[in-house]
Amino acid sequence: MGMPIIGHSVYIGPGVKIFGKIVIGNNVAIGTNAAFPKSIDDNAVVGGIPAKVINYNSISEFGLYRDK
């Protein structure tokens, strides 16, 4: 079955279910209780059951990314 690979700067909300051999890209935000068995591209905001991409390149709008 394999294990997930989690990228850099990833927010994983409470209750999220990530299973199987999938890749979560960099700069991704996963909303609370989302569940999915598929890979997620970089810069995605994901949510829902089953989870789907809500938006790309807007992780900064959620206050999760801080440019220093």
PDB file of N, CA and C in Angstrom:
ATOM      1  N   MET A   1       0.821  -1.196   0.000  1.00  0.00           N
ATOM      2  CA  MET A   1       0.000   0.000   0.000  1.00  0.00           C
ATOM      3  C   MET A   1       0.860   1.252   0.000  1.00  0.00           C
ATOM      4  N   GLY A   2       1.891   1.346   0.793  1.00  0.00           N
ATOM      5  CA  GLY A   2       2.787   2.492   0.792  1.00  0.00           C
ATOM      6  C   GLY A   2       2.382   3.589   1.756  1.00  0.00           C
ATOM      7  N   MET A   3       3.288   4.549   1.915  1.00  0.00           N
ATOM      8  CA  MET A   3       3.053   5.663   2.821  1.00  0.00           C
ATOM      9  C   MET A   3       3.015   6.971   2.046  1.00  0.00           C
ATOM     10  N   PRO A   4       2.262   7.969   2.541  1.00  0.00           N
ATOM     11  CA  PRO A   4       2.226   9.280   1.885  1.00  0.00           C
ATOM     12  C   PRO A   4       3.563  10.007   2.015  1.00  0.00           C
ATOM     13  N   ILE A   5       3.854  10.849   1.048  1.00  0.00           N
ATOM     14  CA  ILE A   5       5.017  11.730   1.093  1.00  0.00           C
ATOM     15  C   ILE A   5       4.472  13.149   1.192  1.00  0.00           C
ATOM     16  N   ILE A   6       4.851  13.863   2.256  1.00  0.00           N
ATOM     17  CA  ILE A   6       4.336  15.198   2.536  1.00  0.00           C
ATOM     18  C   ILE A   6       5.403  16.230   2.176  1.00  0.00           C
ATOM     19  N   GLY A   7       5.045  17.239   1.364  1.00  0.00           N
ATOM     20  CA  GLY A   7       5.970  18.282   0.934  1.00  0.00           C
ATOM     21  C   GLY A   7       6.268  19.292   2.032  1.00  0.00           C
ATOM     22  N   HIS A   8       6.919  20.372   1.664  1.00  0.00           N
ATOM     23  CA  HIS A   8       7.287  21.449   2.590  1.00  0.00           C
ATOM     24  C   HIS A   8       6.154  22.469   2.697  1.00  0.00           C
ATOM     25  N   SER A   9       6.042  23.102   3.855  1.00  0.00           N
ATOM     26  CA  SER A   9       5.048  24.149   4.116  1.00  0.00           C
ATOM     27  C   SER A   9       3.630  23.660   3.842  1.00  0.00           C
ATOM     28  N   VAL A  10       3.287  22.537   4.437  1.00  0.00           N
ATOM     29  CA  VAL A  10       1.960  21.946   4.271  1.00  0.00           C
ATOM     30  C   VAL A  10       1.178  22.102   5.565  1.00  0.00           C
ATOM     31  N   TYR A  11      -0.050  22.621   5.463  1.00  0.00           N
ATOM     32  CA  TYR A  11      -0.955  22.699   6.610  1.00  0.00           C
ATOM     33  C   TYR A  11      -1.945  21.548   6.479  1.00  0.00           C
ATOM     34  N   ILE A  12      -2.019  20.719   7.513  1.00  0.00           N
ATOM     35  CA  ILE A  12      -2.968  19.602   7.543  1.00  0.00           C
ATOM     36  C   ILE A  12      -3.915  19.860   8.701  1.00  0.00           C
ATOM     37  N   GLY A  13      -5.177  20.140   8.382  1.00  0.00           N
ATOM     38  CA  GLY A  13      -6.175  20.455   9.398  1.00  0.00           C
ATOM     39  C   GLY A  13      -6.517  19.259  10.273  1.00  0.00           C
ATOM     40  N   PRO A  14      -7.183  19.514  11.399  1.00  0.00           N
ATOM     41  CA  PRO A  14      -7.582  18.438  12.310  1.00  0.00           C
ATOM     42  C   PRO A  14      -8.515  17.445  11.622  1.00  0.00           C
ATOM     43  N   GLY A  15      -8.301  16.169  11.891  1.00  0.00           N
ATOM     44  CA  GLY A  15      -9.180  15.124  11.398  1.00  0.00           C
ATOM     45  C   GLY A  15      -8.980  14.722   9.950  1.00  0.00           C
ATOM     46  N   VAL A  16      -7.943  15.230   9.300  1.00  0.00           N
ATOM     47  CA  VAL A  16      -7.692  14.896   7.889  1.00  0.00           C
ATOM     48  C   VAL A  16      -7.261  13.434   7.777  1.00  0.00           C
ATOM     49  N   LYS A  17      -7.767  12.762   6.738  1.00  0.00           N
ATOM     50  CA  LYS A  17      -7.403  11.367   6.475  1.00  0.00           C
ATOM     51  C   LYS A  17      -6.580  11.312   5.194  1.00  0.00           C
ATOM     52  N   ILE A  18      -5.310  10.949   5.328  1.00  0.00           N
ATOM     53  CA  ILE A  18      -4.419  10.792   4.181  1.00  0.00           C
ATOM     54  C   ILE A  18      -3.957   9.347   4.194  1.00  0.00           C
ATOM     55  N   PHE A  19      -4.250   8.618   3.124  1.00  0.00           N
ATOM     56  CA  PHE A  19      -3.891   7.204   3.129  1.00  0.00           C
ATOM     57  C   PHE A  19      -3.413   6.757   1.756  1.00  0.00           C
ATOM     58  N   GLY A  20      -2.548   5.758   1.779  1.00  0.00           N
ATOM     59  CA  GLY A  20      -2.018   5.214   0.536  1.00  0.00           C
ATOM     60  C   GLY A  20      -0.720   5.877   0.115  1.00  0.00           C
ATOM     61  N   LYS A  21      -0.198   5.400  -0.997  1.00  0.00           N
ATOM     62  CA  LYS A  21       1.068   5.911  -1.532  1.00  0.00           C
ATOM     63  C   LYS A  21       0.776   7.106  -2.430  1.00  0.00           C
ATOM     64  N   ILE A  22       0.640   8.296  -1.808  1.00  0.00           N
ATOM     65  CA  ILE A  22       0.336   9.524  -2.535  1.00  0.00           C
ATOM     66  C   ILE A  22       1.366  10.589  -2.183  1.00  0.00           C
ATOM     67  N   VAL A  23       1.382  11.655  -2.973  1.00  0.00           N
ATOM     68  CA  VAL A  23       2.304  12.767  -2.739  1.00  0.00           C
ATOM     69  C   VAL A  23       1.489  14.028  -2.497  1.00  0.00           C
ATOM     70  N   ILE A  24       1.764  14.699  -1.384  1.00  0.00           N
ATOM     71  CA  ILE A  24       1.178  16.003  -1.088  1.00  0.00           C
ATOM     72  C   ILE A  24       2.257  17.023  -1.428  1.00  0.00           C
ATOM     73  N   GLY A  25       1.985  17.907  -2.381  1.00  0.00           N
ATOM     74  CA  GLY A  25       2.975  18.868  -2.864  1.00  0.00           C
ATOM     75  C   GLY A  25       3.368  19.907  -1.833  1.00  0.00           C
ATOM     76  N   ASN A  26       4.210  20.823  -2.229  1.00  0.00           N
ATOM     77  CA  ASN A  26       4.663  21.924  -1.374  1.00  0.00           C
ATOM     78  C   ASN A  26       3.619  23.032  -1.330  1.00  0.00           C
ATOM     79  N   ASN A  27       3.588  23.770  -0.213  1.00  0.00           N
ATOM     80  CA  ASN A  27       2.687  24.916  -0.035  1.00  0.00           C
ATOM     81  C   ASN A  27       1.224  24.539  -0.238  1.00  0.00           C
ATOM     82  N   VAL A  28       0.804  23.492   0.430  1.00  0.00           N
ATOM     83  CA  VAL A  28      -0.565  22.994   0.318  1.00  0.00           C
ATOM     84  C   VAL A  28      -1.283  23.205   1.645  1.00  0.00           C
ATOM     85  N   ALA A  29      -2.563  23.553   1.585  1.00  0.00           N
ATOM     86  CA  ALA A  29      -3.410  23.648   2.776  1.00  0.00           C
ATOM     87  C   ALA A  29      -4.542  22.642   2.615  1.00  0.00           C
ATOM     88  N   ILE A  30      -4.707  21.767   3.614  1.00  0.00           N
ATOM     89  CA  ILE A  30      -5.756  20.749   3.586  1.00  0.00           C
ATOM     90  C   ILE A  30      -6.734  21.062   4.707  1.00  0.00           C
ATOM     91  N   GLY A  31      -7.997  21.297   4.350  1.00  0.00           N
ATOM     92  CA  GLY A  31      -9.021  21.687   5.313  1.00  0.00           C
ATOM     93  C   GLY A  31      -9.421  20.565   6.262  1.00  0.00           C
ATOM     94  N   THR A  32     -10.011  20.961   7.370  1.00  0.00           N
ATOM     95  CA  THR A  32     -10.446  20.048   8.421  1.00  0.00           C
ATOM     96  C   THR A  32     -11.317  18.925   7.888  1.00  0.00           C
ATOM     97  N   ASN A  33     -11.044  17.698   8.350  1.00  0.00           N
ATOM     98  CA  ASN A  33     -11.793  16.468   8.050  1.00  0.00           C
ATOM     99  C   ASN A  33     -11.767  16.040   6.588  1.00  0.00           C
ATOM    100  N   ALA A  34     -10.931  16.631   5.761  1.00  0.00           N
ATOM    101  CA  ALA A  34     -10.835  16.201   4.361  1.00  0.00           C
ATOM    102  C   ALA A  34     -10.313  14.765   4.308  1.00  0.00           C
ATOM    103  N   ALA A  35     -10.766  14.015   3.319  1.00  0.00           N
ATOM    104  CA  ALA A  35     -10.323  12.630   3.137  1.00  0.00           C
ATOM    105  C   ALA A  35     -10.088  12.381   1.658  1.00  0.00           C
ATOM    106  N   PHE A  36      -8.921  11.836   1.335  1.00  0.00           N
ATOM    107  CA  PHE A  36      -8.640  11.575  -0.072  1.00  0.00           C
ATOM    108  C   PHE A  36      -7.534  10.557  -0.240  1.00  0.00           C
ATOM    109  N   PRO A  37      -7.631   9.757  -1.311  1.00  0.00           N
ATOM    110  CA  PRO A  37      -6.590   8.780  -1.618  1.00  0.00           C
ATOM    111  C   PRO A  37      -5.786   9.149  -2.868  1.00  0.00           C
ATOM    112  N   LYS A  38      -5.711  10.451  -3.222  1.00  0.00           N
ATOM    113  CA  LYS A  38      -4.992  10.831  -4.442  1.00  0.00           C
ATOM    114  C   LYS A  38      -3.996  11.937  -4.173  1.00  0.00           C
ATOM    115  N   SER A  39      -3.009  12.058  -5.037  1.00  0.00           N
ATOM    116  CA  SER A  39      -1.953  13.058  -4.882  1.00  0.00           C
ATOM    117  C   SER A  39      -2.483  14.466  -5.108  1.00  0.00           C
ATOM    118  N   ILE A  40      -1.810  15.449  -4.484  1.00  0.00           N
ATOM    119  CA  ILE A  40      -2.190  16.857  -4.586  1.00  0.00           C
ATOM    120  C   ILE A  40      -0.989  17.644  -5.108  1.00  0.00           C
ATOM    121  N   ASP A  41      -1.217  18.489  -6.111  1.00  0.00           N
ATOM    122  CA  ASP A  41      -0.156  19.312  -6.697  1.00  0.00           C
ATOM    123  C   ASP A  41       0.264  20.440  -5.757  1.00  0.00           C
ATOM    124  N   ASP A  42       1.395  21.056  -6.055  1.00  0.00           N
ATOM    125  CA  ASP A  42       1.899  22.207  -5.295  1.00  0.00           C
ATOM    126  C   ASP A  42       0.884  23.351  -5.294  1.00  0.00           C
ATOM    127  N   ASN A  43       0.919  24.159  -4.232  1.00  0.00           N
ATOM    128  CA  ASN A  43       0.154  25.407  -4.110  1.00  0.00           C
ATOM    129  C   ASN A  43      -1.355  25.230  -4.142  1.00  0.00           C
ATOM    130  N   ALA A  44      -1.848  24.097  -3.692  1.00  0.00           N
ATOM    131  CA  ALA A  44      -3.286  23.827  -3.715  1.00  0.00           C
ATOM    132  C   ALA A  44      -3.912  24.059  -2.345  1.00  0.00           C
ATOM    133  N   VAL A  45      -5.161  24.492  -2.367  1.00  0.00           N
ATOM    134  CA  VAL A  45      -5.997  24.534  -1.172  1.00  0.00           C
ATOM    135  C   VAL A  45      -7.048  23.460  -1.397  1.00  0.00           C
ATOM    136  N   VAL A  46      -7.142  22.509  -0.463  1.00  0.00           N
ATOM    137  CA  VAL A  46      -7.961  21.317  -0.641  1.00  0.00           C
ATOM    138  C   VAL A  46      -8.949  21.189   0.509  1.00  0.00           C
ATOM    139  N   GLY A  47     -10.155  20.706   0.223  1.00  0.00           N
ATOM    140  CA  GLY A  47     -11.128  20.474   1.286  1.00  0.00           C
ATOM    141  C   GLY A  47     -12.272  19.602   0.808  1.00  0.00           C
ATOM    142  N   GLY A  48     -13.075  19.127   1.759  1.00  0.00           N
ATOM    143  CA  GLY A  48     -14.264  18.355   1.445  1.00  0.00           C
ATOM    144  C   GLY A  48     -14.084  16.861   1.595  1.00  0.00           C
ATOM    145  N   ILE A  49     -15.233  16.157   1.487  1.00  0.00           N
ATOM    146  CA  ILE A  49     -15.255  14.696   1.544  1.00  0.00           C
ATOM    147  C   ILE A  49     -16.106  14.220   0.377  1.00  0.00           C
ATOM    148  N   PRO A  50     -15.566  13.627  -0.668  1.00  0.00           N
ATOM    149  CA  PRO A  50     -14.129  13.439  -0.867  1.00  0.00           C
ATOM    150  C   PRO A  50     -13.465  14.771  -1.172  1.00  0.00           C
ATOM    151  N   ALA A  51     -12.211  14.874  -0.819  1.00  0.00           N
ATOM    152  CA  ALA A  51     -11.474  16.130  -0.983  1.00  0.00           C
ATOM    153  C   ALA A  51     -11.279  16.475  -2.444  1.00  0.00           C
ATOM    154  N   LYS A  52     -11.355  17.774  -2.725  1.00  0.00           N
ATOM    155  CA  LYS A  52     -11.053  18.268  -4.061  1.00  0.00           C
ATOM    156  C   LYS A  52     -10.357  19.619  -3.934  1.00  0.00           C
ATOM    157  N   VAL A  53      -9.653  19.984  -4.989  1.00  0.00           N
ATOM    158  CA  VAL A  53      -8.931  21.251  -4.988  1.00  0.00           C
ATOM    159  C   VAL A  53      -9.940  22.386  -5.079  1.00  0.00           C
ATOM    160  N   ILE A  54      -9.840  23.322  -4.134  1.00  0.00           N
ATOM    161  CA  ILE A  54     -10.710  24.493  -4.103  1.00  0.00           C
ATOM    162  C   ILE A  54     -10.077  25.625  -4.900  1.00  0.00           C
ATOM    163  N   ASN A  55      -8.751  25.727  -4.792  1.00  0.00           N
ATOM    164  CA  ASN A  55      -8.055  26.849  -5.427  1.00  0.00           C
ATOM    165  C   ASN A  55      -6.574  26.523  -5.526  1.00  0.00           C
ATOM    166  N   TYR A  56      -5.874  27.250  -6.393  1.00  0.00           N
ATOM    167  CA  TYR A  56      -4.417  27.176  -6.482  1.00  0.00           C
ATOM    168  C   TYR A  56      -3.842  28.560  -6.213  1.00  0.00           C
ATOM    169  N   ASN A  57      -2.617  28.579  -5.698  1.00  0.00           N
ATOM    170  CA  ASN A  57      -1.876  29.827  -5.471  1.00  0.00           C
ATOM    171  C   ASN A  57      -2.565  30.797  -4.524  1.00  0.00           C
ATOM    172  N   SER A  58      -3.361  30.315  -3.602  1.00  0.00           N
ATOM    173  CA  SER A  58      -4.016  31.227  -2.665  1.00  0.00           C
ATOM    174  C   SER A  58      -3.785  30.828  -1.214  1.00  0.00           C
ATOM    175  N   ILE A  59      -2.771  30.018  -0.946  1.00  0.00           N
ATOM    176  CA  ILE A  59      -2.506  29.604   0.428  1.00  0.00           C
ATOM    177  C   ILE A  59      -2.194  30.808   1.307  1.00  0.00           C
ATOM    178  N   SER A  60      -1.630  31.885   0.729  1.00  0.00           N
ATOM    179  CA  SER A  60      -1.323  33.076   1.517  1.00  0.00           C
ATOM    180  C   SER A  60      -2.595  33.748   2.030  1.00  0.00           C
ATOM    181  N   GLU A  61      -3.715  33.583   1.340  1.00  0.00           N
ATOM    182  CA  GLU A  61      -4.982  34.165   1.779  1.00  0.00           C
ATOM    183  C   GLU A  61      -5.503  33.505   3.057  1.00  0.00           C
ATOM    184  N   PHE A  62      -5.035  32.309   3.351  1.00  0.00           N
ATOM    185  CA  PHE A  62      -5.492  31.597   4.531  1.00  0.00           C
ATOM    186  C   PHE A  62      -4.608  31.874   5.738  1.00  0.00           C
ATOM    187  N   GLY A  63      -3.614  32.737   5.572  1.00  0.00           N
ATOM    188  CA  GLY A  63      -2.759  33.114   6.706  1.00  0.00           C
ATOM    189  C   GLY A  63      -1.789  32.022   7.107  1.00  0.00           C
ATOM    190  N   LEU A  64      -1.575  31.043   6.242  1.00  0.00           N
ATOM    191  CA  LEU A  64      -0.698  29.930   6.602  1.00  0.00           C
ATOM    192  C   LEU A  64       0.715  30.144   6.098  1.00  0.00           C
ATOM    193  N   TYR A  65       0.891  31.044   5.175  1.00  0.00           N
ATOM    194  CA  TYR A  65       2.199  31.302   4.583  1.00  0.00           C
ATOM    195  C   TYR A  65       2.665  32.677   5.014  1.00  0.00           C
ATOM    196  N   ARG A  66       3.867  32.743   5.516  1.00  0.00           N
ATOM    197  CA  ARG A  66       4.418  34.027   5.940  1.00  0.00           C
ATOM    198  C   ARG A  66       5.718  34.275   5.200  1.00  0.00           C
ATOM    199  N   ASP A  67       5.740  35.286   4.386  1.00  0.00           N
ATOM    200  CA  ASP A  67       6.950  35.647   3.664  1.00  0.00           C
ATOM    201  C   ASP A  67       7.834  36.453   4.594  1.00  0.00           C
ATOM    202  N   LYS A  68       9.096  36.039   4.774  1.00  0.00           N
ATOM    203  CA  LYS A  68       9.987  36.712   5.720  1.00  0.00           C
ATOM    204  C   LYS A  68      10.928  37.625   5.015  1.00  0.00           C
TER     205      LYS A  68
END
